[in-house]
Amino acid sequence: MEFEDDAFVLSARAFGESGAIVELLTASRGKWAAHVAGGASRKMKPFLQAGARVRLRYRARVVDQLGAAALEPEGEGPSALFDDPLALAGLASAAAVVAGALPDREPHTGVYVAFEALTRALGFSDIWPAVMVRFEAGLLEAMGFGLDLSRCTVTGAVDDLVWVSPRTGRAVCAAAGEAYRDRLLALPPFLLSAQGRLSPGDIAAGLALTGRFLQDFVFGPLNRPLPPARMWMVDRLNGAGRL
């Protein structure tokens, strides 16, 4: 089989003397792995960083076989963020979460579009953490575990939604959840509206919310923890006073 597609590099590891096995998020075919000849060379390594955008040419003799890929870099990629360690941490986290969450060779065009939008947002230090929370919430939805924040799961109310049930992923209003607030997850207002303003603590609450459901419903069933890159991103945001 053969195909060409736009893609983002998710991960790369050395294979053999000079090759690399590269995981890619493709625009129309989901997550694919391929062998890249010369992928361990100094020339290729900069183009195989997590989040790098490439044009992929893939070829395999048999559909189920690990095929070979030729990659052409497109745009600046992660090098554009070298002066912003926090943004680089965000990019590494997003790539690691997608690589660990998506099944192989299952189309997820929406995830690709969202990842592309996130890479653009990383250039804006004041907004990308909020975009990251929305990205992770969208990934949960793509995996079949979307949060239901439309109304209170107890009363049906659509106003004053301030918590999320950790068991169902559904919103809970203030009146219904007050007695159980210690068991519920905080719902930051910016997740309820694209016009919602950020308040102190909202990013921390958002990342705690999406992280809980990624662990419980995506990584937990695979007997895996959340990727270390995701935890490092949270630690670095916290250390920088961005949470």
C-alpha atoms as a PDB file:
ATOM      1  CA  MET A   1       0.000   0.000   0.000  1.00  0.00           C
ATOM      2  CA  GLU A   2       1.064   3.585  -0.587  1.00  0.00           C
ATOM      3  CA  PHE A   3      -0.272   6.982   0.423  1.00  0.00           C
ATOM      4  CA  GLU A   4       0.721  10.585   1.049  1.00  0.00           C
ATOM      5  CA  ASP A   5      -0.662  12.775   3.811  1.00  0.00           C
ATOM      6  CA  ASP A   6       0.049  15.759   6.004  1.00  0.00           C
ATOM      7  CA  ALA A   7       1.163  14.755   9.489  1.00  0.00           C
ATOM      8  CA  PHE A   8       2.610  15.794  12.828  1.00  0.00           C
ATOM      9  CA  VAL A   9       5.399  13.834  14.479  1.00  0.00           C
ATOM     10  CA  LEU A  10       4.280  12.428  17.833  1.00  0.00           C
ATOM     11  CA  SER A  11       7.407  10.508  18.818  1.00  0.00           C
ATOM     12  CA  ALA A  12      10.570   8.992  17.382  1.00  0.00           C
ATOM     13  CA  ARG A  13      12.953   6.356  18.688  1.00  0.00           C
ATOM     14  CA  ALA A  14      16.180   5.006  17.266  1.00  0.00           C
ATOM     15  CA  PHE A  15      15.978   1.728  15.361  1.00  0.00           C
ATOM     16  CA  GLY A  16      19.029  -0.093  14.080  1.00  0.00           C
ATOM     17  CA  GLU A  17      22.230   1.754  13.293  1.00  0.00           C
ATOM     18  CA  SER A  18      20.769   4.845  11.682  1.00  0.00           C
ATOM     19  CA  GLY A  19      16.999   4.478  11.362  1.00  0.00           C
ATOM     20  CA  ALA A  20      14.081   5.519  13.542  1.00  0.00           C
ATOM     21  CA  ILE A  21      10.567   4.334  14.255  1.00  0.00           C
ATOM     22  CA  VAL A  22       8.351   7.391  14.056  1.00  0.00           C
ATOM     23  CA  GLU A  23       4.776   7.768  15.275  1.00  0.00           C
ATOM     24  CA  LEU A  24       2.749  10.293  13.315  1.00  0.00           C
ATOM     25  CA  LEU A  25      -0.677  11.886  13.580  1.00  0.00           C
ATOM     26  CA  THR A  26      -1.909  12.042   9.995  1.00  0.00           C
ATOM     27  CA  ALA A  27      -4.612  14.317   8.668  1.00  0.00           C
ATOM     28  CA  SER A  28      -6.884  11.612   7.262  1.00  0.00           C
ATOM     29  CA  ARG A  29      -5.666   8.245   8.569  1.00  0.00           C
ATOM     30  CA  GLY A  30      -5.119   8.743  12.289  1.00  0.00           C
ATOM     31  CA  LYS A  31      -2.010   7.559  14.101  1.00  0.00           C
ATOM     32  CA  TRP A  32       0.558   5.631  12.069  1.00  0.00           C
ATOM     33  CA  ALA A  33       3.997   4.266  12.797  1.00  0.00           C
ATOM     34  CA  ALA A  34       6.684   3.966  10.142  1.00  0.00           C
ATOM     35  CA  HIS A  35      10.374   3.282   9.725  1.00  0.00           C
ATOM     36  CA  VAL A  36      12.353   6.306   8.569  1.00  0.00           C
ATOM     37  CA  ALA A  37      15.737   5.485   7.079  1.00  0.00           C
ATOM     38  CA  GLY A  38      18.407   7.827   8.389  1.00  0.00           C
ATOM     39  CA  GLY A  39      16.048   9.034  11.109  1.00  0.00           C
ATOM     40  CA  ALA A  40      18.818   8.962  13.707  1.00  0.00           C
ATOM     41  CA  SER A  41      21.105  11.183  11.659  1.00  0.00           C
ATOM     42  CA  ARG A  42      21.944  14.745  12.650  1.00  0.00           C
ATOM     43  CA  LYS A  43      20.235  15.969   9.506  1.00  0.00           C
ATOM     44  CA  MET A  44      16.929  14.270  10.272  1.00  0.00           C
ATOM     45  CA  LYS A  45      16.718  14.598  14.063  1.00  0.00           C
ATOM     46  CA  PRO A  46      15.521  18.236  14.062  1.00  0.00           C
ATOM     47  CA  PHE A  47      12.599  17.217  11.848  1.00  0.00           C
ATOM     48  CA  LEU A  48      11.585  14.340  14.114  1.00  0.00           C
ATOM     49  CA  GLN A  49      10.891  16.340  17.262  1.00  0.00           C
ATOM     50  CA  ALA A  50       7.443  15.958  18.809  1.00  0.00           C
ATOM     51  CA  GLY A  51       5.076  18.401  17.144  1.00  0.00           C
ATOM     52  CA  ALA A  52       7.064  18.833  13.929  1.00  0.00           C
ATOM     53  CA  ARG A  53       4.843  19.148  10.858  1.00  0.00           C
ATOM     54  CA  VAL A  54       5.775  17.014   7.868  1.00  0.00           C
ATOM     55  CA  ARG A  55       4.573  15.717   4.548  1.00  0.00           C
ATOM     56  CA  LEU A  56       4.449  11.937   4.749  1.00  0.00           C
ATOM     57  CA  ARG A  57       5.007   9.481   1.904  1.00  0.00           C
ATOM     58  CA  TYR A  58       4.294   5.978   3.166  1.00  0.00           C
ATOM     59  CA  ARG A  59       4.887   2.621   1.497  1.00  0.00           C
ATOM     60  CA  ALA A  60       4.421  -0.976   2.700  1.00  0.00           C
ATOM     61  CA  ARG A  61       4.243  -4.275   0.854  1.00  0.00           C
ATOM     62  CA  VAL A  62       1.458  -5.585   3.077  1.00  0.00           C
ATOM     63  CA  VAL A  63      -1.277  -3.556   4.793  1.00  0.00           C
ATOM     64  CA  ASP A  64      -0.484  -4.865   8.292  1.00  0.00           C
ATOM     65  CA  GLN A  65       3.274  -4.490   7.869  1.00  0.00           C
ATOM     66  CA  LEU A  66       5.312  -1.692   9.410  1.00  0.00           C
ATOM     67  CA  GLY A  67       6.049   0.357   6.326  1.00  0.00           C
ATOM     68  CA  ALA A  68       8.728   2.844   5.370  1.00  0.00           C
ATOM     69  CA  ALA A  69       8.210   6.572   5.264  1.00  0.00           C
ATOM     70  CA  ALA A  70       9.863   9.534   3.639  1.00  0.00           C
ATOM     71  CA  LEU A  71       9.256  12.793   5.481  1.00  0.00           C
ATOM     72  CA  GLU A  72       9.540  16.353   4.251  1.00  0.00           C
ATOM     73  CA  PRO A  73       9.486  19.089   6.924  1.00  0.00           C
ATOM     74  CA  GLU A  74       6.901  21.832   6.600  1.00  0.00           C
ATOM     75  CA  GLY A  75       7.170  25.122   8.475  1.00  0.00           C
ATOM     76  CA  GLU A  76       9.358  25.947  11.463  1.00  0.00           C
ATOM     77  CA  GLY A  77       7.842  23.345  13.752  1.00  0.00           C
ATOM     78  CA  PRO A  78       9.072  23.168  17.376  1.00  0.00           C
ATOM     79  CA  SER A  79      12.087  25.360  16.584  1.00  0.00           C
ATOM     80  CA  ALA A  80       9.753  28.367  16.587  1.00  0.00           C
ATOM     81  CA  LEU A  81       9.174  27.734  20.307  1.00  0.00           C
ATOM     82  CA  PHE A  82      12.797  27.312  21.410  1.00  0.00           C
ATOM     83  CA  ASP A  83      12.674  30.583  23.336  1.00  0.00           C
ATOM     84  CA  ASP A  84       9.573  29.480  25.250  1.00  0.00           C
ATOM     85  CA  PRO A  85      10.239  26.376  27.389  1.00  0.00           C
ATOM     86  CA  LEU A  86       6.671  26.375  28.715  1.00  0.00           C
ATOM     87  CA  ALA A  87       5.198  26.223  25.213  1.00  0.00           C
ATOM     88  CA  LEU A  88       7.621  23.445  24.291  1.00  0.00           C
ATOM     89  CA  ALA A  89       6.449  21.544  27.363  1.00  0.00           C
ATOM     90  CA  GLY A  90       2.872  22.020  26.190  1.00  0.00           C
ATOM     91  CA  LEU A  91       3.678  20.721  22.730  1.00  0.00           C
ATOM     92  CA  ALA A  92       5.476  17.679  24.142  1.00  0.00           C
ATOM     93  CA  SER A  93       2.537  16.968  26.441  1.00  0.00           C
ATOM     94  CA  ALA A  94      -0.059  17.167  23.678  1.00  0.00           C
ATOM     95  CA  ALA A  95       1.990  14.891  21.411  1.00  0.00           C
ATOM     96  CA  ALA A  96       2.507  12.332  24.190  1.00  0.00           C
ATOM     97  CA  VAL A  97      -1.169  12.298  25.175  1.00  0.00           C
ATOM     98  CA  VAL A  98      -2.300  11.823  21.580  1.00  0.00           C
ATOM     99  CA  ALA A  99       0.311   9.103  20.979  1.00  0.00           C
ATOM    100  CA  GLY A 100      -0.817   7.225  24.066  1.00  0.00           C
ATOM    101  CA  ALA A 101      -4.556   7.700  23.641  1.00  0.00           C
ATOM    102  CA  LEU A 102      -5.291   7.141  19.955  1.00  0.00           C
ATOM    103  CA  PRO A 103      -5.555   3.614  18.571  1.00  0.00           C
ATOM    104  CA  ASP A 104      -3.396   2.827  15.573  1.00  0.00           C
ATOM    105  CA  ARG A 105      -4.692   3.478  12.066  1.00  0.00           C
ATOM    106  CA  GLU A 106      -8.104   4.766  13.091  1.00  0.00           C
ATOM    107  CA  PRO A 107      -9.065   8.024  11.330  1.00  0.00           C
ATOM    108  CA  HIS A 108      -9.474  11.001  13.660  1.00  0.00           C
ATOM    109  CA  THR A 109      -9.557  14.065  11.444  1.00  0.00           C
ATOM    110  CA  GLY A 110     -10.987  16.185  14.253  1.00  0.00           C
ATOM    111  CA  VAL A 111      -8.035  15.391  16.502  1.00  0.00           C
ATOM    112  CA  TYR A 112      -5.619  16.378  13.738  1.00  0.00           C
ATOM    113  CA  VAL A 113      -7.408  19.707  13.186  1.00  0.00           C
ATOM    114  CA  ALA A 114      -7.466  20.376  16.938  1.00  0.00           C
ATOM    115  CA  PHE A 115      -3.766  19.521  17.278  1.00  0.00           C
ATOM    116  CA  GLU A 116      -2.987  21.879  14.404  1.00  0.00           C
ATOM    117  CA  ALA A 117      -4.956  24.668  16.105  1.00  0.00           C
ATOM    118  CA  LEU A 118      -3.141  24.006  19.376  1.00  0.00           C
ATOM    119  CA  THR A 119       0.278  24.296  17.717  1.00  0.00           C
ATOM    120  CA  ARG A 120      -0.724  27.728  16.436  1.00  0.00           C
ATOM    121  CA  ALA A 121      -2.003  28.787  19.866  1.00  0.00           C
ATOM    122  CA  LEU A 122       1.295  27.828  21.518  1.00  0.00           C
ATOM    123  CA  GLY A 123       2.790  30.998  20.107  1.00  0.00           C
ATOM    124  CA  PHE A 124       0.520  33.032  22.399  1.00  0.00           C
ATOM    125  CA  SER A 125       1.635  32.507  25.979  1.00  0.00           C
ATOM    126  CA  ASP A 126      -1.466  34.063  27.544  1.00  0.00           C
ATOM    127  CA  ILE A 127      -3.986  31.759  25.881  1.00  0.00           C
ATOM    128  CA  TRP A 128      -2.439  28.389  25.113  1.00  0.00           C
ATOM    129  CA  PRO A 129      -2.972  26.773  28.552  1.00  0.00           C
ATOM    130  CA  ALA A 130      -6.732  27.310  28.166  1.00  0.00           C
ATOM    131  CA  VAL A 131      -6.580  25.972  24.617  1.00  0.00           C
ATOM    132  CA  MET A 132      -4.750  22.938  25.989  1.00  0.00           C
ATOM    133  CA  VAL A 133      -7.625  22.206  28.374  1.00  0.00           C
ATOM    134  CA  ARG A 134     -10.113  22.468  25.515  1.00  0.00           C
ATOM    135  CA  PHE A 135      -7.881  20.270  23.365  1.00  0.00           C
ATOM    136  CA  GLU A 136      -7.818  17.532  25.989  1.00  0.00           C
ATOM    137  CA  ALA A 137     -11.582  17.790  26.457  1.00  0.00           C
ATOM    138  CA  GLY A 138     -12.001  17.422  22.693  1.00  0.00           C
ATOM    139  CA  LEU A 139      -9.700  14.408  22.665  1.00  0.00           C
ATOM    140  CA  LEU A 140     -11.849  12.783  25.349  1.00  0.00           C
ATOM    141  CA  GLU A 141     -14.907  13.369  23.183  1.00  0.00           C
ATOM    142  CA  ALA A 142     -13.172  11.879  20.144  1.00  0.00           C
ATOM    143  CA  MET A 143     -12.375   8.800  22.222  1.00  0.00           C
ATOM    144  CA  GLY A 144     -16.008   8.421  23.266  1.00  0.00           C
ATOM    145  CA  PHE A 145     -15.686   9.898  26.748  1.00  0.00           C
ATOM    146  CA  GLY A 146     -16.884  13.447  26.202  1.00  0.00           C
ATOM    147  CA  LEU A 147     -17.873  15.597  29.158  1.00  0.00           C
ATOM    148  CA  ASP A 148     -21.558  16.580  29.301  1.00  0.00           C
ATOM    149  CA  LEU A 149     -21.548  20.170  30.486  1.00  0.00           C
ATOM    150  CA  SER A 150     -24.889  21.169  28.983  1.00  0.00           C
ATOM    151  CA  ARG A 151     -27.047  20.853  32.128  1.00  0.00           C
ATOM    152  CA  CYS A 152     -27.040  19.649  35.724  1.00  0.00           C
ATOM    153  CA  THR A 153     -27.212  15.873  35.863  1.00  0.00           C
ATOM    154  CA  VAL A 154     -29.325  16.061  39.063  1.00  0.00           C
ATOM    155  CA  THR A 155     -31.841  18.851  38.426  1.00  0.00           C
ATOM    156  CA  GLY A 156     -31.578  19.541  34.696  1.00  0.00           C
ATOM    157  CA  ALA A 157     -30.726  23.188  35.385  1.00  0.00           C
ATOM    158  CA  VAL A 158     -28.588  24.954  32.789  1.00  0.00           C
ATOM    159  CA  ASP A 159     -27.354  27.758  35.038  1.00  0.00           C
ATOM    160  CA  ASP A 160     -24.845  27.916  37.882  1.00  0.00           C
ATOM    161  CA  LEU A 161     -22.951  24.812  36.762  1.00  0.00           C
ATOM    162  CA  VAL A 162     -19.855  24.691  38.963  1.00  0.00           C
ATOM    163  CA  TRP A 163     -18.846  21.037  39.334  1.00  0.00           C
ATOM    164  CA  VAL A 164     -18.470  17.823  37.354  1.00  0.00           C
ATOM    165  CA  SER A 165     -19.233  14.339  38.626  1.00  0.00           C
ATOM    166  CA  PRO A 166     -16.013  12.262  38.526  1.00  0.00           C
ATOM    167  CA  ARG A 167     -18.110   9.159  37.931  1.00  0.00           C
ATOM    168  CA  THR A 168     -20.210  10.296  34.960  1.00  0.00           C
ATOM    169  CA  GLY A 169     -18.449  13.353  33.538  1.00  0.00           C
ATOM    170  CA  ARG A 170     -21.685  15.344  33.782  1.00  0.00           C
ATOM    171  CA  ALA A 171     -22.087  18.850  35.146  1.00  0.00           C
ATOM    172  CA  VAL A 172     -23.573  19.525  38.578  1.00  0.00           C
ATOM    173  CA  CYS A 173     -25.105  22.845  39.622  1.00  0.00           C
ATOM    174  CA  ALA A 174     -24.201  24.640  42.844  1.00  0.00           C
ATOM    175  CA  ALA A 175     -27.468  23.890  44.644  1.00  0.00           C
ATOM    176  CA  ALA A 176     -27.430  20.165  43.898  1.00  0.00           C
ATOM    177  CA  GLY A 177     -23.732  19.645  44.544  1.00  0.00           C
ATOM    178  CA  GLU A 178     -23.082  21.726  47.655  1.00  0.00           C
ATOM    179  CA  ALA A 179     -23.444  18.784  50.018  1.00  0.00           C
ATOM    180  CA  TYR A 180     -21.022  16.699  47.919  1.00  0.00           C
ATOM    181  CA  ARG A 181     -18.528  19.363  46.883  1.00  0.00           C
ATOM    182  CA  ASP A 182     -15.571  17.464  48.359  1.00  0.00           C
ATOM    183  CA  ARG A 183     -16.288  14.568  45.997  1.00  0.00           C
ATOM    184  CA  LEU A 184     -16.822  16.640  42.860  1.00  0.00           C
ATOM    185  CA  LEU A 185     -14.416  18.208  40.362  1.00  0.00           C
ATOM    186  CA  ALA A 186     -14.365  21.962  39.878  1.00  0.00           C
ATOM    187  CA  LEU A 187     -15.766  23.152  36.539  1.00  0.00           C
ATOM    188  CA  PRO A 188     -13.974  26.312  35.309  1.00  0.00           C
ATOM    189  CA  PRO A 189     -16.432  28.704  33.623  1.00  0.00           C
ATOM    190  CA  PHE A 190     -14.326  29.075  30.455  1.00  0.00           C
ATOM    191  CA  LEU A 191     -15.252  25.501  29.491  1.00  0.00           C
ATOM    192  CA  LEU A 192     -18.920  26.492  29.382  1.00  0.00           C
ATOM    193  CA  SER A 193     -18.511  29.353  26.941  1.00  0.00           C
ATOM    194  CA  ALA A 194     -16.029  30.460  24.323  1.00  0.00           C
ATOM    195  CA  GLN A 195     -16.459  33.964  25.783  1.00  0.00           C
ATOM    196  CA  GLY A 196     -15.771  32.881  29.359  1.00  0.00           C
ATOM    197  CA  ARG A 197     -13.041  34.809  31.125  1.00  0.00           C
ATOM    198  CA  LEU A 198     -10.207  33.153  32.975  1.00  0.00           C
ATOM    199  CA  SER A 199      -9.975  33.568  36.726  1.00  0.00           C
ATOM    200  CA  PRO A 200      -7.105  32.506  39.025  1.00  0.00           C
ATOM    201  CA  GLY A 201      -7.120  28.747  39.420  1.00  0.00           C
ATOM    202  CA  ASP A 202      -9.179  28.044  36.294  1.00  0.00           C
ATOM    203  CA  ILE A 203      -6.327  26.459  34.321  1.00  0.00           C
ATOM    204  CA  ALA A 204      -5.389  24.246  37.260  1.00  0.00           C
ATOM    205  CA  ALA A 205      -9.015  23.168  37.635  1.00  0.00           C
ATOM    206  CA  GLY A 206      -9.346  22.520  33.904  1.00  0.00           C
ATOM    207  CA  LEU A 207      -6.190  20.420  33.695  1.00  0.00           C
ATOM    208  CA  ALA A 208      -7.205  18.503  36.829  1.00  0.00           C
ATOM    209  CA  LEU A 209     -10.593  17.807  35.230  1.00  0.00           C
ATOM    210  CA  THR A 210      -9.335  16.566  31.874  1.00  0.00           C
ATOM    211  CA  GLY A 211      -6.420  14.761  33.495  1.00  0.00           C
ATOM    212  CA  ARG A 212      -8.785  12.830  35.778  1.00  0.00           C
ATOM    213  CA  PHE A 213     -10.889  11.567  32.873  1.00  0.00           C
ATOM    214  CA  LEU A 214      -7.910  10.856  30.636  1.00  0.00           C
ATOM    215  CA  GLN A 215      -6.486   8.697  33.413  1.00  0.00           C
ATOM    216  CA  ASP A 216      -9.732   6.972  34.394  1.00  0.00           C
ATOM    217  CA  PHE A 217     -11.208   6.329  30.967  1.00  0.00           C
ATOM    218  CA  VAL A 218      -8.339   6.335  28.461  1.00  0.00           C
ATOM    219  CA  PHE A 219      -5.003   5.455  30.037  1.00  0.00           C
ATOM    220  CA  GLY A 220      -6.243   3.498  33.054  1.00  0.00           C
ATOM    221  CA  PRO A 221      -7.944   0.767  30.990  1.00  0.00           C
ATOM    222  CA  LEU A 222      -4.645   0.372  29.112  1.00  0.00           C
ATOM    223  CA  ASN A 223      -2.812  -0.045  32.455  1.00  0.00           C
ATOM    224  CA  ARG A 224      -0.785   3.092  31.790  1.00  0.00           C
ATOM    225  CA  PRO A 225      -0.319   6.294  33.780  1.00  0.00           C
ATOM    226  CA  LEU A 226      -0.679   9.686  32.184  1.00  0.00           C
ATOM    227  CA  PRO A 227       2.428  10.386  30.074  1.00  0.00           C
ATOM    228  CA  PRO A 228       5.329  11.900  32.035  1.00  0.00           C
ATOM    229  CA  ALA A 229       5.395  14.803  29.561  1.00  0.00           C
ATOM    230  CA  ARG A 230       1.887  15.733  30.644  1.00  0.00           C
ATOM    231  CA  MET A 231       2.864  15.785  34.318  1.00  0.00           C
ATOM    232  CA  TRP A 232       5.995  17.810  33.527  1.00  0.00           C
ATOM    233  CA  MET A 233       3.880  20.395  31.711  1.00  0.00           C
ATOM    234  CA  VAL A 234       1.639  20.825  34.755  1.00  0.00           C
ATOM    235  CA  ASP A 235       4.662  21.076  37.067  1.00  0.00           C
ATOM    236  CA  ARG A 236       6.292  23.703  34.872  1.00  0.00           C
ATOM    237  CA  LEU A 237       3.118  25.758  34.551  1.00  0.00           C
ATOM    238  CA  ASN A 238       2.747  25.607  38.320  1.00  0.00           C
ATOM    239  CA  GLY A 239       6.382  26.595  38.857  1.00  0.00           C
ATOM    240  CA  ALA A 240       5.921  29.551  36.543  1.00  0.00           C
ATOM    241  CA  GLY A 241       2.821  30.709  38.408  1.00  0.00           C
ATOM    242  CA  ARG A 242       0.587  30.023  35.407  1.00  0.00           C
ATOM    243  CA  LEU A 243      -1.902  27.852  37.257  1.00  0.00           C
END
